[in-house]
């Protein structure tokens, strides 16, 4: 179980010598699943990179605050089928957000293209803060 108390030492991670106090997580396979799970349970997470990880509980996706780099394999019969419902949950969370902020740089351009592909760009435009 992951928690923001003794089960997950956030204070210790933020205090690592030479660190900047921000939390990030990277995981591969099962570790990728854990990164997805952490993203739903730890609002202090700034960024996560789940490589080939399974989706988190879909009813918790709206709680994700971190920026995520979601990486999938070409041919993965376990993880890849979890993507369409995960993507739908992410889309629903974006639609439910009162405001949306993102960079105007290359990552923001790609995000804008995603919103267009999802067919929600015009709907969310009044709530975007850049």
N, C-alpha and C. Protein backbone atom coordinates (compact mmCIF):
# COMPACT_ATOMS: atom_id res chain seq x y z
N UNK A 1 0.83 -1.17 0.00
CA UNK A 1 0.00 0.00 0.00
C UNK A 1 0.88 1.24 0.00
N UNK A 2 0.51 2.22 -0.77
CA UNK A 2 1.23 3.48 -0.83
C UNK A 2 0.39 4.53 -0.12
N UNK A 3 1.02 5.30 0.73
CA UNK A 3 0.29 6.37 1.40
C UNK A 3 1.19 7.57 1.52
N UNK A 4 0.63 8.67 1.94
CA UNK A 4 1.45 9.86 2.13
C UNK A 4 1.94 9.95 3.56
N UNK A 5 1.77 8.88 4.32
CA UNK A 5 2.28 8.85 5.68
C UNK A 5 3.52 7.97 5.73
N UNK A 6 3.64 7.14 6.74
CA UNK A 6 4.84 6.33 6.93
C UNK A 6 5.08 5.36 5.79
N UNK A 7 4.03 4.97 5.05
CA UNK A 7 4.19 4.01 3.97
C UNK A 7 4.95 4.56 2.78
N UNK A 8 5.02 5.85 2.65
CA UNK A 8 5.74 6.46 1.53
C UNK A 8 6.46 7.69 2.06
N UNK A 9 7.77 7.60 2.27
CA UNK A 9 8.51 8.66 2.97
C UNK A 9 8.74 9.92 2.15
N UNK A 10 7.69 10.69 1.95
CA UNK A 10 7.79 11.91 1.15
C UNK A 10 8.78 12.91 1.74
N UNK A 11 8.71 13.11 3.04
CA UNK A 11 9.61 14.08 3.68
C UNK A 11 11.06 13.70 3.45
N UNK A 12 11.38 12.42 3.54
CA UNK A 12 12.76 11.97 3.32
C UNK A 12 13.18 12.19 1.87
N UNK A 13 12.29 11.91 0.94
CA UNK A 13 12.62 12.08 -0.47
C UNK A 13 12.87 13.55 -0.79
N UNK A 14 12.09 14.44 -0.20
CA UNK A 14 12.26 15.86 -0.46
C UNK A 14 13.54 16.42 0.16
N UNK A 15 14.06 15.74 1.16
CA UNK A 15 15.21 16.25 1.89
C UNK A 15 16.54 15.66 1.42
N UNK A 16 16.55 14.93 0.34
CA UNK A 16 17.79 14.32 -0.16
C UNK A 16 18.78 15.43 -0.51
N UNK A 17 20.01 15.31 0.00
CA UNK A 17 21.05 16.31 -0.26
C UNK A 17 21.24 16.48 -1.75
N UNK A 18 21.28 17.72 -2.20
CA UNK A 18 21.48 18.02 -3.61
C UNK A 18 20.20 18.03 -4.42
N UNK A 19 19.09 17.63 -3.80
CA UNK A 19 17.81 17.63 -4.49
C UNK A 19 17.18 19.01 -4.50
N UNK A 20 16.09 19.14 -5.22
CA UNK A 20 15.41 20.43 -5.29
C UNK A 20 14.09 20.43 -4.51
N UNK A 21 13.82 19.33 -3.80
CA UNK A 21 12.60 19.25 -3.01
C UNK A 21 11.38 18.79 -3.78
N UNK A 22 11.51 18.58 -5.07
CA UNK A 22 10.38 18.12 -5.88
C UNK A 22 10.42 16.59 -5.98
N UNK A 23 9.23 16.01 -6.11
CA UNK A 23 9.12 14.55 -6.19
C UNK A 23 8.85 14.09 -7.61
N UNK A 24 9.57 13.07 -8.03
CA UNK A 24 9.35 12.44 -9.32
C UNK A 24 9.44 10.94 -9.16
N UNK A 25 8.90 10.20 -10.09
CA UNK A 25 8.93 8.74 -10.02
C UNK A 25 9.08 8.17 -11.43
N UNK A 26 9.92 7.16 -11.54
CA UNK A 26 10.13 6.44 -12.79
C UNK A 26 10.02 4.96 -12.47
N UNK A 27 9.32 4.22 -13.30
CA UNK A 27 9.22 2.78 -13.09
C UNK A 27 9.05 2.05 -14.39
N UNK A 28 9.52 0.80 -14.41
CA UNK A 28 9.44 -0.05 -15.59
C UNK A 28 8.63 -1.28 -15.25
N UNK A 29 7.69 -1.64 -16.10
CA UNK A 29 6.85 -2.82 -15.94
C UNK A 29 6.02 -2.69 -14.66
N UNK A 30 6.23 -3.55 -13.67
CA UNK A 30 5.48 -3.42 -12.42
C UNK A 30 5.76 -2.06 -11.78
N UNK A 31 7.00 -1.58 -11.90
CA UNK A 31 7.35 -0.26 -11.39
C UNK A 31 6.57 0.84 -12.09
N UNK A 32 6.28 0.66 -13.38
CA UNK A 32 5.45 1.61 -14.11
C UNK A 32 4.03 1.63 -13.57
N UNK A 33 3.52 0.47 -13.22
CA UNK A 33 2.20 0.38 -12.60
C UNK A 33 2.21 1.15 -11.28
N UNK A 34 3.28 1.00 -10.51
CA UNK A 34 3.39 1.70 -9.23
C UNK A 34 3.45 3.21 -9.46
N UNK A 35 4.17 3.67 -10.48
CA UNK A 35 4.21 5.10 -10.78
C UNK A 35 2.80 5.61 -11.08
N UNK A 36 2.05 4.88 -11.88
CA UNK A 36 0.66 5.28 -12.17
C UNK A 36 -0.16 5.34 -10.89
N UNK A 37 0.04 4.38 -10.02
CA UNK A 37 -0.69 4.35 -8.75
C UNK A 37 -0.29 5.52 -7.85
N UNK A 38 1.02 5.78 -7.76
CA UNK A 38 1.49 6.91 -6.95
C UNK A 38 0.88 8.21 -7.47
N UNK A 39 0.80 8.35 -8.79
CA UNK A 39 0.25 9.58 -9.37
C UNK A 39 -1.18 9.84 -8.91
N UNK A 40 -1.93 8.78 -8.62
CA UNK A 40 -3.31 8.97 -8.18
C UNK A 40 -3.41 9.21 -6.68
N UNK A 41 -2.36 8.90 -5.93
CA UNK A 41 -2.43 8.96 -4.47
C UNK A 41 -1.54 10.01 -3.81
N UNK A 42 -0.60 10.54 -4.56
CA UNK A 42 0.35 11.48 -3.98
C UNK A 42 0.28 12.80 -4.76
N UNK A 43 -0.51 13.75 -4.29
CA UNK A 43 -0.66 15.00 -5.04
C UNK A 43 0.62 15.82 -5.12
N UNK A 44 1.59 15.53 -4.25
CA UNK A 44 2.87 16.25 -4.29
C UNK A 44 3.78 15.78 -5.41
N UNK A 45 3.44 14.67 -6.08
CA UNK A 45 4.25 14.18 -7.19
C UNK A 45 4.20 15.21 -8.31
N UNK A 46 5.38 15.64 -8.77
CA UNK A 46 5.46 16.65 -9.82
C UNK A 46 5.48 16.01 -11.21
N UNK A 47 6.19 14.88 -11.32
CA UNK A 47 6.33 14.23 -12.63
C UNK A 47 6.50 12.73 -12.44
N UNK A 48 5.99 11.99 -13.41
CA UNK A 48 6.13 10.54 -13.38
C UNK A 48 6.34 10.00 -14.78
N UNK A 49 7.10 8.92 -14.88
CA UNK A 49 7.34 8.26 -16.16
C UNK A 49 7.14 6.76 -15.98
N UNK A 50 5.90 6.30 -16.18
CA UNK A 50 5.64 4.87 -16.11
C UNK A 50 5.94 4.21 -17.46
N UNK A 51 6.98 3.40 -17.50
CA UNK A 51 7.33 2.67 -18.71
C UNK A 51 6.64 1.31 -18.67
N UNK A 52 5.71 1.09 -19.58
CA UNK A 52 5.01 -0.18 -19.72
C UNK A 52 4.24 -0.58 -18.47
N UNK A 53 3.73 0.38 -17.75
CA UNK A 53 2.99 0.08 -16.53
C UNK A 53 1.50 -0.01 -16.78
N UNK A 54 0.84 -0.82 -15.98
CA UNK A 54 -0.61 -0.93 -16.07
C UNK A 54 -1.29 0.34 -15.57
N UNK A 55 -2.52 0.52 -15.97
CA UNK A 55 -3.30 1.71 -15.59
C UNK A 55 -3.64 1.66 -14.10
N UNK A 56 -3.78 2.85 -13.50
CA UNK A 56 -4.24 2.90 -12.12
C UNK A 56 -5.75 2.68 -12.07
N UNK A 57 -6.33 2.61 -10.88
CA UNK A 57 -7.80 2.52 -10.82
C UNK A 57 -8.42 3.71 -11.56
N UNK A 58 -9.28 3.43 -12.51
CA UNK A 58 -9.81 4.49 -13.37
C UNK A 58 -10.61 5.53 -12.61
N UNK A 59 -11.23 5.14 -11.51
CA UNK A 59 -12.01 6.12 -10.74
C UNK A 59 -11.11 7.07 -9.96
N UNK A 60 -9.80 6.84 -9.97
CA UNK A 60 -8.85 7.71 -9.26
C UNK A 60 -8.05 8.60 -10.21
N UNK A 61 -8.21 8.43 -11.52
CA UNK A 61 -7.42 9.17 -12.50
C UNK A 61 -7.62 10.68 -12.37
N UNK A 62 -8.79 11.11 -12.01
CA UNK A 62 -9.05 12.54 -11.85
C UNK A 62 -8.23 13.19 -10.75
N UNK A 63 -7.64 12.40 -9.88
CA UNK A 63 -6.82 12.94 -8.79
C UNK A 63 -5.38 13.21 -9.22
N UNK A 64 -4.99 12.81 -10.43
CA UNK A 64 -3.61 12.99 -10.88
C UNK A 64 -3.32 14.47 -11.08
N UNK A 65 -2.26 14.94 -10.44
CA UNK A 65 -1.80 16.33 -10.56
C UNK A 65 -0.47 16.41 -11.30
N UNK A 66 0.27 15.33 -11.32
CA UNK A 66 1.62 15.30 -11.90
C UNK A 66 1.58 15.30 -13.42
N UNK A 67 2.66 15.77 -14.01
CA UNK A 67 2.87 15.59 -15.44
C UNK A 67 3.36 14.16 -15.63
N UNK A 68 2.79 13.47 -16.61
CA UNK A 68 3.16 12.08 -16.85
C UNK A 68 3.65 11.88 -18.28
N UNK A 69 4.69 11.11 -18.42
CA UNK A 69 5.14 10.62 -19.71
C UNK A 69 4.75 9.15 -19.74
N UNK A 70 3.70 8.81 -20.48
CA UNK A 70 3.19 7.44 -20.52
C UNK A 70 3.82 6.73 -21.71
N UNK A 71 4.52 5.63 -21.43
CA UNK A 71 5.25 4.90 -22.47
C UNK A 71 4.67 3.49 -22.58
N UNK A 72 4.33 3.10 -23.80
CA UNK A 72 3.77 1.78 -24.06
C UNK A 72 4.63 1.04 -25.06
N UNK A 73 4.57 -0.28 -25.02
CA UNK A 73 5.32 -1.12 -25.95
C UNK A 73 4.51 -1.31 -27.23
N UNK A 74 5.19 -1.70 -28.27
CA UNK A 74 4.52 -1.99 -29.53
C UNK A 74 3.54 -3.16 -29.39
N UNK A 75 3.98 -4.20 -28.71
CA UNK A 75 3.20 -5.41 -28.63
C UNK A 75 3.22 -5.92 -27.19
N UNK A 76 2.30 -5.47 -26.39
CA UNK A 76 2.23 -5.86 -24.97
C UNK A 76 0.78 -6.22 -24.67
N UNK A 77 0.52 -7.51 -24.58
CA UNK A 77 -0.86 -7.98 -24.41
C UNK A 77 -1.42 -7.74 -23.01
N UNK A 78 -0.58 -7.31 -22.08
CA UNK A 78 -1.06 -7.01 -20.73
C UNK A 78 -1.35 -5.53 -20.56
N UNK A 79 -0.36 -4.69 -20.87
CA UNK A 79 -0.48 -3.26 -20.60
C UNK A 79 -1.30 -2.53 -21.67
N UNK A 80 -1.05 -2.78 -22.93
CA UNK A 80 -1.69 -2.01 -24.00
C UNK A 80 -3.22 -2.03 -23.95
N UNK A 81 -3.85 -3.14 -23.59
CA UNK A 81 -5.33 -3.11 -23.50
C UNK A 81 -5.85 -2.17 -22.40
N UNK A 82 -4.99 -1.82 -21.43
CA UNK A 82 -5.43 -0.91 -20.37
C UNK A 82 -5.43 0.54 -20.83
N UNK A 83 -4.79 0.85 -21.97
CA UNK A 83 -4.67 2.23 -22.40
C UNK A 83 -6.00 2.87 -22.81
N UNK A 84 -6.83 2.28 -23.66
CA UNK A 84 -8.05 2.99 -24.06
C UNK A 84 -8.93 3.43 -22.88
N UNK A 85 -9.18 2.58 -21.88
CA UNK A 85 -9.98 3.09 -20.76
C UNK A 85 -9.23 4.14 -19.93
N UNK A 86 -7.91 4.01 -19.82
CA UNK A 86 -7.10 4.99 -19.09
C UNK A 86 -7.16 6.33 -19.83
N UNK A 87 -7.00 6.28 -21.15
CA UNK A 87 -7.07 7.50 -21.94
C UNK A 87 -8.44 8.16 -21.79
N UNK A 88 -9.51 7.37 -21.80
CA UNK A 88 -10.85 7.92 -21.63
C UNK A 88 -11.01 8.57 -20.26
N UNK A 89 -10.42 7.97 -19.23
CA UNK A 89 -10.49 8.55 -17.89
C UNK A 89 -9.69 9.85 -17.83
N UNK A 90 -8.53 9.90 -18.48
CA UNK A 90 -7.75 11.13 -18.53
C UNK A 90 -8.53 12.23 -19.26
N UNK A 91 -9.16 11.87 -20.37
CA UNK A 91 -9.96 12.84 -21.14
C UNK A 91 -11.10 13.39 -20.27
N UNK A 92 -11.77 12.51 -19.55
CA UNK A 92 -12.86 12.93 -18.67
C UNK A 92 -12.34 13.86 -17.57
N UNK A 93 -11.15 13.57 -17.05
CA UNK A 93 -10.57 14.42 -16.01
C UNK A 93 -10.24 15.80 -16.56
N UNK A 94 -9.72 15.85 -17.78
CA UNK A 94 -9.44 17.15 -18.40
C UNK A 94 -10.74 17.92 -18.60
N UNK A 95 -11.76 17.27 -19.06
CA UNK A 95 -13.05 17.94 -19.27
C UNK A 95 -13.65 18.44 -17.96
N UNK A 96 -13.37 17.76 -16.87
CA UNK A 96 -13.93 18.13 -15.57
C UNK A 96 -13.11 19.21 -14.85
N UNK A 97 -11.89 19.46 -15.32
CA UNK A 97 -11.02 20.42 -14.64
C UNK A 97 -11.54 21.84 -14.79
N UNK A 98 -11.58 22.61 -13.68
CA UNK A 98 -12.07 23.99 -13.77
C UNK A 98 -11.11 24.89 -14.54
N UNK A 99 -9.80 24.62 -14.45
CA UNK A 99 -8.81 25.35 -15.24
C UNK A 99 -7.74 24.37 -15.70
N UNK A 100 -7.08 24.72 -16.79
CA UNK A 100 -6.01 23.90 -17.35
C UNK A 100 -4.83 24.81 -17.67
N UNK A 101 -3.67 24.46 -17.18
CA UNK A 101 -2.48 25.23 -17.48
C UNK A 101 -1.41 24.34 -18.07
N UNK A 102 -0.74 24.84 -19.09
CA UNK A 102 0.37 24.09 -19.66
C UNK A 102 1.29 25.04 -20.41
N UNK A 103 2.47 24.56 -20.72
CA UNK A 103 3.52 25.33 -21.38
C UNK A 103 3.10 25.70 -22.80
N UNK A 104 3.64 26.83 -23.28
CA UNK A 104 3.44 27.19 -24.68
C UNK A 104 4.57 26.65 -25.55
N UNK A 105 5.51 25.92 -24.93
CA UNK A 105 6.63 25.32 -25.65
C UNK A 105 6.21 24.05 -26.37
N UNK A 106 7.20 23.26 -26.80
CA UNK A 106 6.91 22.05 -27.58
C UNK A 106 5.95 21.08 -26.88
N UNK A 107 6.08 20.90 -25.56
CA UNK A 107 5.17 19.98 -24.89
C UNK A 107 3.74 20.50 -24.90
N UNK A 108 3.58 21.80 -24.77
CA UNK A 108 2.25 22.40 -24.83
C UNK A 108 1.63 22.28 -26.21
N UNK A 109 2.46 22.41 -27.25
CA UNK A 109 1.97 22.24 -28.62
C UNK A 109 1.43 20.83 -28.80
N UNK A 110 2.18 19.84 -28.29
CA UNK A 110 1.73 18.45 -28.41
C UNK A 110 0.46 18.21 -27.60
N UNK A 111 0.37 18.83 -26.44
CA UNK A 111 -0.83 18.69 -25.63
C UNK A 111 -2.05 19.29 -26.34
N UNK A 112 -1.85 20.45 -26.96
CA UNK A 112 -2.94 21.07 -27.73
C UNK A 112 -3.39 20.15 -28.87
N UNK A 113 -2.44 19.48 -29.51
CA UNK A 113 -2.78 18.53 -30.58
C UNK A 113 -3.57 17.36 -30.02
N UNK A 114 -3.21 16.90 -28.82
CA UNK A 114 -3.96 15.82 -28.18
C UNK A 114 -5.39 16.26 -27.92
N UNK A 115 -5.57 17.47 -27.40
CA UNK A 115 -6.92 17.97 -27.13
C UNK A 115 -7.73 18.05 -28.43
N UNK A 116 -7.07 18.42 -29.52
CA UNK A 116 -7.75 18.45 -30.82
C UNK A 116 -8.14 17.03 -31.25
N UNK A 117 -7.20 16.09 -31.08
CA UNK A 117 -7.49 14.69 -31.46
C UNK A 117 -8.65 14.14 -30.64
N UNK A 118 -8.69 14.53 -29.35
CA UNK A 118 -9.79 14.08 -28.49
C UNK A 118 -11.09 14.80 -28.82
N UNK A 119 -11.04 15.86 -29.62
CA UNK A 119 -12.25 16.60 -29.98
C UNK A 119 -12.75 17.52 -28.86
N UNK A 120 -11.84 17.96 -27.98
CA UNK A 120 -12.28 18.79 -26.86
C UNK A 120 -11.61 20.16 -26.84
N UNK A 121 -10.80 20.47 -27.84
CA UNK A 121 -10.03 21.72 -27.83
C UNK A 121 -10.92 22.95 -27.68
N UNK A 122 -11.99 23.02 -28.43
CA UNK A 122 -12.87 24.20 -28.34
C UNK A 122 -13.61 24.25 -27.01
N UNK A 123 -14.00 23.10 -26.50
CA UNK A 123 -14.73 23.05 -25.24
C UNK A 123 -13.90 23.56 -24.07
N UNK A 124 -12.63 23.21 -24.04
CA UNK A 124 -11.79 23.58 -22.90
C UNK A 124 -11.07 24.92 -23.08
N UNK A 125 -11.09 25.48 -24.29
CA UNK A 125 -10.35 26.71 -24.58
C UNK A 125 -10.59 27.82 -23.56
N UNK A 126 -11.82 28.09 -23.12
CA UNK A 126 -12.01 29.18 -22.14
C UNK A 126 -11.37 28.93 -20.78
N UNK A 127 -11.01 27.68 -20.49
CA UNK A 127 -10.43 27.35 -19.19
C UNK A 127 -8.92 27.20 -19.21
N UNK A 128 -8.29 27.44 -20.36
CA UNK A 128 -6.85 27.26 -20.48
C UNK A 128 -6.11 28.51 -20.02
N UNK A 129 -5.11 28.27 -19.17
CA UNK A 129 -4.22 29.32 -18.69
C UNK A 129 -2.82 28.96 -19.16
N UNK A 130 -2.19 29.80 -19.96
CA UNK A 130 -0.83 29.50 -20.44
C UNK A 130 0.16 30.49 -19.88
